[in-house]
Amino acid sequence: MQGNIWWQQRFGRGQSNQPLPNRSGVFSPAEYSRQQKEFFIKNAGLTQEEADVFFPIYNELQQKKRELNREIRRLSRQDGQSEQQCLNAIDTIADVKIRIAELEKTYLERFKKVLPASKILKVQNAEEQFNSQILKDIQQSRQHSFGQNLQRFNQPPFTPQPPGRPNQNPNQNNNR
């Protein structure tokens, strides 16, 4: 539940129009995408027509990048390998990163066909701002959760009192 609190704080309907969790309070990729799209439209000044053409291309790029990044994570997690296998993994990871850069360049050419360069730059800046804020919020949430867990462990344990004596445990309310 603690992990979901940051979503509620970050993405609640307070002052900011940030992504919301789904109704159960769990991260919703669809809701994240919807709010990301709104953020990009607002911050890049996209018209609805531009957005309707741009986002299918953008989403296609993101899906391909996710697949390549999964491959990088898979290659990075190979424990117990020989030195040669690790060297091969490092080389493959470098090749995959190059493929990601080439993919981004290819899609940039497609973006140029549907958006002016000024708006492409604004979308790129909006993407960076959005991702930066998400990471910042996750870090703050983790620090907050860590602090709460640490505080819970630092409380004195409950010690039962003999009958007839008032409870001296500071964690319980003595006002009955």
N, C-alpha and C. Protein backbone atom coordinates (compact mmCIF):
# COMPACT_ATOMS: atom_id res chain seq x y z
N MET A 1 0.82 -1.19 0.00
CA MET A 1 0.00 0.00 0.00
C MET A 1 0.86 1.26 0.00
N GLN A 2 2.03 1.20 0.71
CA GLN A 2 2.89 2.36 0.76
C GLN A 2 3.30 2.82 -0.63
N GLY A 3 3.59 1.88 -1.53
CA GLY A 3 4.01 2.24 -2.87
C GLY A 3 2.94 2.99 -3.64
N ASN A 4 1.70 2.78 -3.28
CA ASN A 4 0.62 3.45 -3.99
C ASN A 4 0.37 4.85 -3.47
N ILE A 5 0.85 5.16 -2.26
CA ILE A 5 0.60 6.48 -1.69
C ILE A 5 1.25 7.55 -2.55
N TRP A 6 2.46 7.28 -3.04
CA TRP A 6 3.11 8.31 -3.86
C TRP A 6 2.31 8.59 -5.11
N TRP A 7 1.63 7.56 -5.66
CA TRP A 7 0.77 7.80 -6.82
C TRP A 7 -0.36 8.73 -6.43
N GLN A 8 -0.94 8.49 -5.26
CA GLN A 8 -2.06 9.30 -4.83
C GLN A 8 -1.61 10.72 -4.54
N GLN A 9 -0.44 10.88 -3.93
CA GLN A 9 0.06 12.21 -3.66
C GLN A 9 0.49 12.91 -4.94
N ARG A 10 1.22 12.20 -5.78
CA ARG A 10 1.76 12.80 -7.00
C ARG A 10 0.69 13.01 -8.05
N PHE A 11 -0.20 12.04 -8.16
CA PHE A 11 -1.12 12.05 -9.26
C PHE A 11 -2.56 12.30 -8.84
N GLY A 12 -2.72 12.75 -7.61
CA GLY A 12 -4.06 13.08 -7.15
C GLY A 12 -4.59 14.28 -7.91
N ARG A 13 -5.83 14.57 -7.73
CA ARG A 13 -6.43 15.68 -8.46
C ARG A 13 -6.29 17.00 -7.71
N GLY A 14 -5.16 17.15 -7.03
CA GLY A 14 -4.90 18.38 -6.31
C GLY A 14 -4.58 19.50 -7.28
N GLN A 15 -3.50 20.20 -7.03
CA GLN A 15 -3.15 21.35 -7.84
C GLN A 15 -2.66 20.96 -9.23
N SER A 16 -2.02 19.82 -9.36
CA SER A 16 -1.47 19.46 -10.66
C SER A 16 -2.36 18.46 -11.37
N ASN A 17 -2.26 18.44 -12.67
CA ASN A 17 -3.00 17.47 -13.48
C ASN A 17 -2.05 16.34 -13.85
N GLN A 18 -1.64 15.59 -12.88
CA GLN A 18 -0.68 14.53 -13.09
C GLN A 18 -1.39 13.19 -13.20
N PRO A 19 -0.69 12.17 -13.71
CA PRO A 19 -1.31 10.86 -13.88
C PRO A 19 -1.88 10.30 -12.59
N LEU A 20 -2.99 9.62 -12.73
CA LEU A 20 -3.68 9.00 -11.60
C LEU A 20 -3.52 7.50 -11.65
N PRO A 21 -3.56 6.87 -10.48
CA PRO A 21 -3.64 5.41 -10.50
C PRO A 21 -5.03 5.02 -10.93
N ASN A 22 -5.24 3.74 -11.22
CA ASN A 22 -6.59 3.31 -11.55
C ASN A 22 -7.43 3.31 -10.28
N ARG A 23 -8.67 2.90 -10.37
CA ARG A 23 -9.58 2.99 -9.23
C ARG A 23 -9.12 2.21 -8.01
N SER A 24 -8.35 1.17 -8.22
CA SER A 24 -7.89 0.37 -7.08
C SER A 24 -6.63 0.97 -6.45
N GLY A 25 -6.13 2.09 -6.97
CA GLY A 25 -4.94 2.72 -6.42
C GLY A 25 -3.64 2.13 -6.92
N VAL A 26 -3.71 1.27 -7.92
CA VAL A 26 -2.53 0.62 -8.48
C VAL A 26 -2.15 1.33 -9.76
N PHE A 27 -0.87 1.34 -10.07
CA PHE A 27 -0.39 1.97 -11.29
C PHE A 27 -1.14 1.45 -12.51
N SER A 28 -1.58 2.37 -13.34
CA SER A 28 -2.29 2.03 -14.56
C SER A 28 -1.50 2.54 -15.76
N PRO A 29 -0.92 1.65 -16.57
CA PRO A 29 -0.19 2.11 -17.76
C PRO A 29 -1.06 2.96 -18.69
N ALA A 30 -2.32 2.59 -18.84
CA ALA A 30 -3.21 3.35 -19.72
C ALA A 30 -3.42 4.77 -19.19
N GLU A 31 -3.60 4.89 -17.88
CA GLU A 31 -3.80 6.21 -17.28
C GLU A 31 -2.50 7.02 -17.36
N TYR A 32 -1.38 6.36 -17.15
CA TYR A 32 -0.09 7.01 -17.27
C TYR A 32 0.07 7.58 -18.68
N SER A 33 -0.22 6.77 -19.70
CA SER A 33 -0.10 7.21 -21.09
C SER A 33 -1.04 8.37 -21.40
N ARG A 34 -2.25 8.29 -20.88
CA ARG A 34 -3.22 9.35 -21.11
C ARG A 34 -2.73 10.68 -20.52
N GLN A 35 -2.24 10.62 -19.29
CA GLN A 35 -1.78 11.84 -18.64
C GLN A 35 -0.48 12.35 -19.28
N GLN A 36 0.38 11.44 -19.71
CA GLN A 36 1.60 11.84 -20.40
C GLN A 36 1.24 12.57 -21.69
N LYS A 37 0.28 12.03 -22.41
CA LYS A 37 -0.18 12.65 -23.65
C LYS A 37 -0.72 14.05 -23.38
N GLU A 38 -1.54 14.19 -22.35
CA GLU A 38 -2.07 15.52 -22.00
C GLU A 38 -0.95 16.48 -21.65
N PHE A 39 0.04 16.00 -20.91
CA PHE A 39 1.18 16.82 -20.52
C PHE A 39 1.94 17.29 -21.76
N PHE A 40 2.19 16.38 -22.69
CA PHE A 40 2.90 16.73 -23.92
C PHE A 40 2.10 17.74 -24.74
N ILE A 41 0.81 17.49 -24.89
CA ILE A 41 -0.04 18.40 -25.68
C ILE A 41 0.02 19.80 -25.09
N LYS A 42 -0.14 19.88 -23.79
CA LYS A 42 -0.15 21.19 -23.12
C LYS A 42 1.20 21.88 -23.23
N ASN A 43 2.28 21.16 -22.90
CA ASN A 43 3.59 21.79 -22.83
C ASN A 43 4.25 22.00 -24.19
N ALA A 44 3.85 21.23 -25.19
CA ALA A 44 4.41 21.42 -26.54
C ALA A 44 3.47 22.26 -27.41
N GLY A 45 2.28 22.55 -26.89
CA GLY A 45 1.33 23.35 -27.66
C GLY A 45 0.81 22.63 -28.89
N LEU A 46 0.62 21.32 -28.79
CA LEU A 46 0.11 20.56 -29.94
C LEU A 46 -1.38 20.80 -30.11
N THR A 47 -1.79 20.90 -31.36
CA THR A 47 -3.22 20.93 -31.65
C THR A 47 -3.74 19.50 -31.56
N GLN A 48 -5.05 19.35 -31.50
CA GLN A 48 -5.62 18.00 -31.44
C GLN A 48 -5.28 17.22 -32.71
N GLU A 49 -5.28 17.90 -33.86
CA GLU A 49 -4.95 17.23 -35.12
C GLU A 49 -3.50 16.74 -35.11
N GLU A 50 -2.59 17.59 -34.62
CA GLU A 50 -1.19 17.19 -34.54
C GLU A 50 -1.02 16.00 -33.59
N ALA A 51 -1.70 16.07 -32.46
CA ALA A 51 -1.62 14.99 -31.47
C ALA A 51 -2.15 13.69 -32.05
N ASP A 52 -3.25 13.76 -32.79
CA ASP A 52 -3.85 12.56 -33.37
C ASP A 52 -2.91 11.86 -34.34
N VAL A 53 -2.06 12.62 -35.01
CA VAL A 53 -1.11 12.04 -35.96
C VAL A 53 0.19 11.64 -35.26
N PHE A 54 0.63 12.48 -34.32
CA PHE A 54 1.92 12.27 -33.66
C PHE A 54 1.93 11.07 -32.71
N PHE A 55 0.92 10.95 -31.86
CA PHE A 55 1.00 9.96 -30.78
C PHE A 55 1.00 8.50 -31.23
N PRO A 56 0.33 8.12 -32.29
CA PRO A 56 0.49 6.72 -32.72
C PRO A 56 1.94 6.39 -33.11
N ILE A 57 2.61 7.35 -33.73
CA ILE A 57 4.02 7.16 -34.09
C ILE A 57 4.88 7.12 -32.83
N TYR A 58 4.64 8.05 -31.93
CA TYR A 58 5.39 8.11 -30.67
C TYR A 58 5.21 6.83 -29.86
N ASN A 59 3.97 6.36 -29.75
CA ASN A 59 3.70 5.15 -28.98
C ASN A 59 4.36 3.92 -29.60
N GLU A 60 4.40 3.88 -30.92
CA GLU A 60 5.08 2.79 -31.61
C GLU A 60 6.57 2.79 -31.27
N LEU A 61 7.18 3.98 -31.29
CA LEU A 61 8.59 4.11 -30.92
C LEU A 61 8.81 3.65 -29.48
N GLN A 62 7.96 4.09 -28.57
CA GLN A 62 8.13 3.73 -27.16
C GLN A 62 8.03 2.23 -26.95
N GLN A 63 7.13 1.57 -27.66
CA GLN A 63 6.99 0.12 -27.54
C GLN A 63 8.26 -0.59 -28.01
N LYS A 64 8.81 -0.14 -29.11
CA LYS A 64 10.04 -0.75 -29.62
C LYS A 64 11.21 -0.51 -28.67
N LYS A 65 11.27 0.69 -28.09
CA LYS A 65 12.33 0.99 -27.13
C LYS A 65 12.18 0.15 -25.86
N ARG A 66 10.94 -0.07 -25.41
CA ARG A 66 10.71 -0.92 -24.23
C ARG A 66 11.24 -2.33 -24.47
N GLU A 67 10.98 -2.86 -25.65
CA GLU A 67 11.46 -4.21 -25.98
C GLU A 67 12.98 -4.28 -25.97
N LEU A 68 13.62 -3.27 -26.54
CA LEU A 68 15.09 -3.25 -26.56
C LEU A 68 15.65 -3.05 -25.15
N ASN A 69 15.01 -2.22 -24.35
CA ASN A 69 15.47 -2.03 -22.98
C ASN A 69 15.29 -3.29 -22.13
N ARG A 70 14.24 -4.06 -22.41
CA ARG A 70 14.07 -5.36 -21.74
C ARG A 70 15.25 -6.28 -22.06
N GLU A 71 15.67 -6.24 -23.31
CA GLU A 71 16.82 -7.06 -23.72
C GLU A 71 18.08 -6.63 -22.96
N ILE A 72 18.27 -5.33 -22.81
CA ILE A 72 19.43 -4.83 -22.06
C ILE A 72 19.36 -5.31 -20.61
N ARG A 73 18.20 -5.21 -19.98
CA ARG A 73 18.05 -5.66 -18.59
C ARG A 73 18.33 -7.16 -18.47
N ARG A 74 17.83 -7.92 -19.43
CA ARG A 74 18.05 -9.37 -19.40
C ARG A 74 19.54 -9.68 -19.49
N LEU A 75 20.23 -9.01 -20.39
CA LEU A 75 21.66 -9.24 -20.56
C LEU A 75 22.46 -8.79 -19.33
N SER A 76 21.98 -7.75 -18.66
CA SER A 76 22.69 -7.21 -17.50
C SER A 76 22.58 -8.09 -16.27
N ARG A 77 21.56 -8.92 -16.21
CA ARG A 77 21.29 -9.72 -15.00
C ARG A 77 21.89 -11.11 -15.04
N GLN A 78 22.79 -11.38 -15.88
CA GLN A 78 23.30 -12.75 -16.02
C GLN A 78 24.43 -12.99 -15.04
N ASP A 79 24.06 -13.52 -13.86
CA ASP A 79 25.04 -13.83 -12.82
C ASP A 79 25.71 -15.17 -13.10
N GLY A 80 26.89 -15.34 -12.53
CA GLY A 80 27.58 -16.62 -12.61
C GLY A 80 28.12 -16.96 -13.98
N GLN A 81 28.36 -15.96 -14.79
CA GLN A 81 28.88 -16.24 -16.12
C GLN A 81 30.39 -16.11 -16.14
N SER A 82 30.96 -16.70 -17.15
CA SER A 82 32.41 -16.60 -17.33
C SER A 82 32.76 -15.18 -17.77
N GLU A 83 34.03 -14.88 -17.70
CA GLU A 83 34.51 -13.57 -18.14
C GLU A 83 34.16 -13.34 -19.61
N GLN A 84 34.31 -14.35 -20.44
CA GLN A 84 34.01 -14.22 -21.87
C GLN A 84 32.52 -13.96 -22.09
N GLN A 85 31.67 -14.65 -21.35
CA GLN A 85 30.23 -14.43 -21.48
C GLN A 85 29.86 -13.01 -21.05
N CYS A 86 30.51 -12.51 -20.02
CA CYS A 86 30.25 -11.14 -19.58
C CYS A 86 30.72 -10.13 -20.64
N LEU A 87 31.87 -10.39 -21.24
CA LEU A 87 32.35 -9.51 -22.31
C LEU A 87 31.37 -9.51 -23.49
N ASN A 88 30.87 -10.68 -23.84
CA ASN A 88 29.88 -10.77 -24.92
C ASN A 88 28.62 -10.00 -24.57
N ALA A 89 28.18 -10.10 -23.32
CA ALA A 89 26.98 -9.38 -22.88
C ALA A 89 27.20 -7.88 -22.97
N ILE A 90 28.37 -7.42 -22.55
CA ILE A 90 28.69 -5.98 -22.61
C ILE A 90 28.65 -5.50 -24.06
N ASP A 91 29.25 -6.26 -24.96
CA ASP A 91 29.25 -5.88 -26.37
C ASP A 91 27.83 -5.87 -26.94
N THR A 92 27.04 -6.86 -26.57
CA THR A 92 25.66 -6.92 -27.06
C THR A 92 24.85 -5.75 -26.53
N ILE A 93 25.05 -5.41 -25.26
CA ILE A 93 24.34 -4.26 -24.68
C ILE A 93 24.69 -2.99 -25.45
N ALA A 94 25.98 -2.81 -25.77
CA ALA A 94 26.40 -1.63 -26.54
C ALA A 94 25.72 -1.62 -27.91
N ASP A 95 25.63 -2.78 -28.54
CA ASP A 95 24.97 -2.87 -29.85
C ASP A 95 23.48 -2.53 -29.74
N VAL A 96 22.84 -2.99 -28.68
CA VAL A 96 21.41 -2.69 -28.49
C VAL A 96 21.21 -1.20 -28.26
N LYS A 97 22.10 -0.58 -27.51
CA LYS A 97 22.00 0.88 -27.29
C LYS A 97 22.16 1.64 -28.60
N ILE A 98 23.02 1.15 -29.46
CA ILE A 98 23.17 1.77 -30.79
C ILE A 98 21.88 1.59 -31.59
N ARG A 99 21.28 0.41 -31.51
CA ARG A 99 20.00 0.18 -32.20
C ARG A 99 18.93 1.13 -31.69
N ILE A 100 18.92 1.40 -30.38
CA ILE A 100 17.95 2.34 -29.82
C ILE A 100 18.18 3.73 -30.41
N ALA A 101 19.44 4.17 -30.46
CA ALA A 101 19.75 5.48 -31.03
C ALA A 101 19.36 5.56 -32.50
N GLU A 102 19.62 4.50 -33.26
CA GLU A 102 19.22 4.47 -34.67
C GLU A 102 17.71 4.50 -34.81
N LEU A 103 17.03 3.79 -33.94
CA LEU A 103 15.57 3.77 -33.96
C LEU A 103 15.01 5.17 -33.68
N GLU A 104 15.59 5.85 -32.68
CA GLU A 104 15.15 7.21 -32.37
C GLU A 104 15.37 8.15 -33.55
N LYS A 105 16.49 7.99 -34.22
CA LYS A 105 16.78 8.84 -35.39
C LYS A 105 15.78 8.56 -36.51
N THR A 106 15.47 7.30 -36.74
CA THR A 106 14.49 6.94 -37.76
C THR A 106 13.12 7.55 -37.45
N TYR A 107 12.72 7.44 -36.20
CA TYR A 107 11.41 7.98 -35.82
C TYR A 107 11.42 9.50 -35.80
N LEU A 108 12.56 10.10 -35.53
CA LEU A 108 12.65 11.55 -35.60
C LEU A 108 12.32 12.03 -37.01
N GLU A 109 12.77 11.29 -38.01
CA GLU A 109 12.43 11.64 -39.40
C GLU A 109 10.92 11.54 -39.63
N ARG A 110 10.30 10.56 -39.02
CA ARG A 110 8.84 10.43 -39.14
C ARG A 110 8.14 11.58 -38.42
N PHE A 111 8.69 11.97 -37.25
CA PHE A 111 8.09 13.09 -36.51
C PHE A 111 8.15 14.37 -37.34
N LYS A 112 9.27 14.57 -38.06
CA LYS A 112 9.44 15.77 -38.88
C LYS A 112 8.38 15.89 -39.97
N LYS A 113 7.82 14.77 -40.37
CA LYS A 113 6.79 14.79 -41.41
C LYS A 113 5.42 15.21 -40.87
N VAL A 114 5.25 15.15 -39.54
CA VAL A 114 3.93 15.46 -38.97
C VAL A 114 3.94 16.66 -38.03
N LEU A 115 5.12 17.10 -37.59
CA LEU A 115 5.21 18.24 -36.68
C LEU A 115 6.33 19.18 -37.12
N PRO A 116 6.16 20.48 -36.86
CA PRO A 116 7.28 21.39 -37.09
C PRO A 116 8.41 21.11 -36.09
N ALA A 117 9.62 21.45 -36.47
CA ALA A 117 10.79 21.18 -35.63
C ALA A 117 10.65 21.82 -34.25
N SER A 118 10.06 23.02 -34.19
CA SER A 118 9.91 23.70 -32.90
C SER A 118 9.04 22.87 -31.94
N LYS A 119 8.02 22.24 -32.46
CA LYS A 119 7.14 21.43 -31.60
C LYS A 119 7.79 20.09 -31.24
N ILE A 120 8.61 19.56 -32.13
CA ILE A 120 9.34 18.34 -31.79
C ILE A 120 10.26 18.61 -30.60
N LEU A 121 10.97 19.74 -30.64
CA LEU A 121 11.83 20.10 -29.51
C LEU A 121 11.01 20.28 -28.23
N LYS A 122 9.85 20.89 -28.35
CA LYS A 122 9.00 21.08 -27.17
C LYS A 122 8.50 19.74 -26.63
N VAL A 123 8.18 18.81 -27.52
CA VAL A 123 7.76 17.48 -27.07
C VAL A 123 8.91 16.79 -26.36
N GLN A 124 10.12 16.89 -26.91
CA GLN A 124 11.28 16.28 -26.28
C GLN A 124 11.52 16.87 -24.89
N ASN A 125 11.38 18.19 -24.78
CA ASN A 125 11.54 18.83 -23.47
C ASN A 125 10.45 18.40 -22.50
N ALA A 126 9.22 18.32 -23.00
CA ALA A 126 8.10 17.88 -22.15
C ALA A 126 8.32 16.45 -21.67
N GLU A 127 8.81 15.60 -22.56
CA GLU A 127 9.09 14.21 -22.19
C GLU A 127 10.13 14.15 -21.08
N GLU A 128 11.17 14.95 -21.22
CA GLU A 128 12.22 14.99 -20.20
C GLU A 128 11.68 15.50 -18.86
N GLN A 129 10.87 16.55 -18.90
CA GLN A 129 10.27 17.09 -17.67
C GLN A 129 9.36 16.07 -17.01
N PHE A 130 8.54 15.43 -17.80
CA PHE A 130 7.59 14.45 -17.27
C PHE A 130 8.34 13.30 -16.60
N ASN A 131 9.32 12.74 -17.30
CA ASN A 131 10.08 11.62 -16.76
C ASN A 131 10.89 12.02 -15.53
N SER A 132 11.45 13.22 -15.56
CA SER A 132 12.21 13.71 -14.41
C SER A 132 11.32 13.84 -13.18
N GLN A 133 10.12 14.36 -13.38
CA GLN A 133 9.20 14.52 -12.26
C GLN A 133 8.76 13.17 -11.71
N ILE A 134 8.53 12.21 -12.58
CA ILE A 134 8.15 10.86 -12.14
C ILE A 134 9.26 10.27 -11.28
N LEU A 135 10.50 10.35 -11.76
CA LEU A 135 11.63 9.80 -11.00
C LEU A 135 11.80 10.51 -9.66
N LYS A 136 11.65 11.82 -9.68
CA LYS A 136 11.76 12.59 -8.44
C LYS A 136 10.70 12.15 -7.44
N ASP A 137 9.49 11.97 -7.91
CA ASP A 137 8.40 11.55 -7.03
C ASP A 137 8.62 10.14 -6.49
N ILE A 138 9.15 9.25 -7.31
CA ILE A 138 9.44 7.89 -6.85
C ILE A 138 10.50 7.94 -5.76
N GLN A 139 11.55 8.73 -5.97
CA GLN A 139 12.61 8.84 -4.97
C GLN A 139 12.07 9.41 -3.67
N GLN A 140 11.25 10.44 -3.75
CA GLN A 140 10.67 11.02 -2.54
C GLN A 140 9.78 10.02 -1.83
N SER A 141 9.03 9.26 -2.59
CA SER A 141 8.15 8.26 -2.01
C SER A 141 8.97 7.19 -1.29
N ARG A 142 10.05 6.76 -1.91
CA ARG A 142 10.89 5.75 -1.28
C ARG A 142 11.53 6.28 0.00
N GLN A 143 11.97 7.53 -0.02
CA GLN A 143 12.55 8.12 1.19
C GLN A 143 11.50 8.23 2.28
N HIS A 144 10.31 8.62 1.90
CA HIS A 144 9.21 8.75 2.86
C HIS A 144 8.87 7.38 3.44
N SER A 145 8.77 6.37 2.59
CA SER A 145 8.46 5.02 3.06
C SER A 145 9.57 4.50 3.96
N PHE A 146 10.82 4.75 3.59
CA PHE A 146 11.95 4.31 4.39
C PHE A 146 11.89 4.97 5.76
N GLY A 147 11.60 6.26 5.79
CA GLY A 147 11.51 6.98 7.06
C GLY A 147 10.40 6.44 7.94
N GLN A 148 9.26 6.13 7.36
CA GLN A 148 8.15 5.57 8.14
C GLN A 148 8.51 4.20 8.67
N ASN A 149 9.14 3.37 7.85
CA ASN A 149 9.53 2.04 8.30
C ASN A 149 10.58 2.14 9.41
N LEU A 150 11.54 3.05 9.26
CA LEU A 150 12.57 3.23 10.27
C LEU A 150 11.94 3.70 11.58
N GLN A 151 11.01 4.62 11.49
CA GLN A 151 10.32 5.13 12.68
C GLN A 151 9.57 4.00 13.39
N ARG A 152 8.93 3.15 12.64
CA ARG A 152 8.18 2.03 13.20
C ARG A 152 9.12 1.09 13.96
N PHE A 153 10.32 0.85 13.43
CA PHE A 153 11.27 -0.05 14.09
C PHE A 153 11.91 0.59 15.32
N ASN A 154 11.94 1.91 15.38
CA ASN A 154 12.56 2.58 16.51
C ASN A 154 11.62 2.75 17.70
N GLN A 155 10.36 2.40 17.58
CA GLN A 155 9.43 2.51 18.69
C GLN A 155 9.71 1.41 19.69
N PRO A 156 9.54 1.72 21.00
CA PRO A 156 9.76 0.66 21.99
C PRO A 156 8.72 -0.44 21.84
N PRO A 157 9.11 -1.67 22.10
CA PRO A 157 8.15 -2.77 21.96
C PRO A 157 7.08 -2.69 23.03
N PHE A 158 5.95 -3.28 22.76
CA PHE A 158 4.86 -3.33 23.72
C PHE A 158 5.26 -4.26 24.87
N THR A 159 5.12 -3.78 26.07
CA THR A 159 5.38 -4.62 27.25
C THR A 159 4.12 -4.67 28.09
N PRO A 160 3.52 -5.84 28.22
CA PRO A 160 2.29 -5.94 29.01
C PRO A 160 2.57 -5.62 30.48
N GLN A 161 1.62 -4.98 31.13
CA GLN A 161 1.72 -4.61 32.54
C GLN A 161 0.95 -5.60 33.39
N PRO A 162 1.38 -5.81 34.63
CA PRO A 162 0.61 -6.69 35.52
C PRO A 162 -0.78 -6.12 35.73
N PRO A 163 -1.77 -6.97 36.04
CA PRO A 163 -3.13 -6.49 36.27
C PRO A 163 -3.16 -5.44 37.37
N GLY A 164 -4.01 -4.44 37.19
CA GLY A 164 -4.17 -3.40 38.19
C GLY A 164 -3.23 -2.23 38.00
N ARG A 165 -2.23 -2.34 37.14
CA ARG A 165 -1.32 -1.22 36.88
C ARG A 165 -1.69 -0.58 35.55
N PRO A 166 -1.63 0.73 35.47
CA PRO A 166 -1.92 1.38 34.18
C PRO A 166 -0.86 1.01 33.15
N ASN A 167 -1.28 0.96 31.91
CA ASN A 167 -0.38 0.63 30.82
C ASN A 167 0.59 1.78 30.60
N GLN A 168 1.87 1.49 30.61
CA GLN A 168 2.91 2.51 30.44
C GLN A 168 3.44 2.56 29.01
N ASN A 169 2.83 1.81 28.11
CA ASN A 169 3.29 1.78 26.72
C ASN A 169 2.91 3.09 26.04
N PRO A 170 3.89 3.85 25.56
CA PRO A 170 3.57 5.13 24.92
C PRO A 170 2.82 4.96 23.61
N ASN A 171 2.75 3.75 23.06
CA ASN A 171 2.07 3.53 21.79
C ASN A 171 0.57 3.36 21.96
N GLN A 172 0.09 3.25 23.19
CA GLN A 172 -1.34 3.07 23.41
C GLN A 172 -1.90 4.27 24.13
N ASN A 173 -3.16 4.53 23.88
CA ASN A 173 -3.86 5.65 24.51
C ASN A 173 -4.41 5.19 25.85
N ASN A 174 -4.04 5.89 26.93
CA ASN A 174 -4.50 5.53 28.28
C ASN A 174 -5.83 6.17 28.62
N ASN A 175 -6.36 7.01 27.77
CA ASN A 175 -7.64 7.68 28.04
C ASN A 175 -8.77 6.79 27.60
N ARG A 176 -9.28 5.98 28.53
CA ARG A 176 -10.36 5.06 28.17
C ARG A 176 -11.66 5.57 28.63
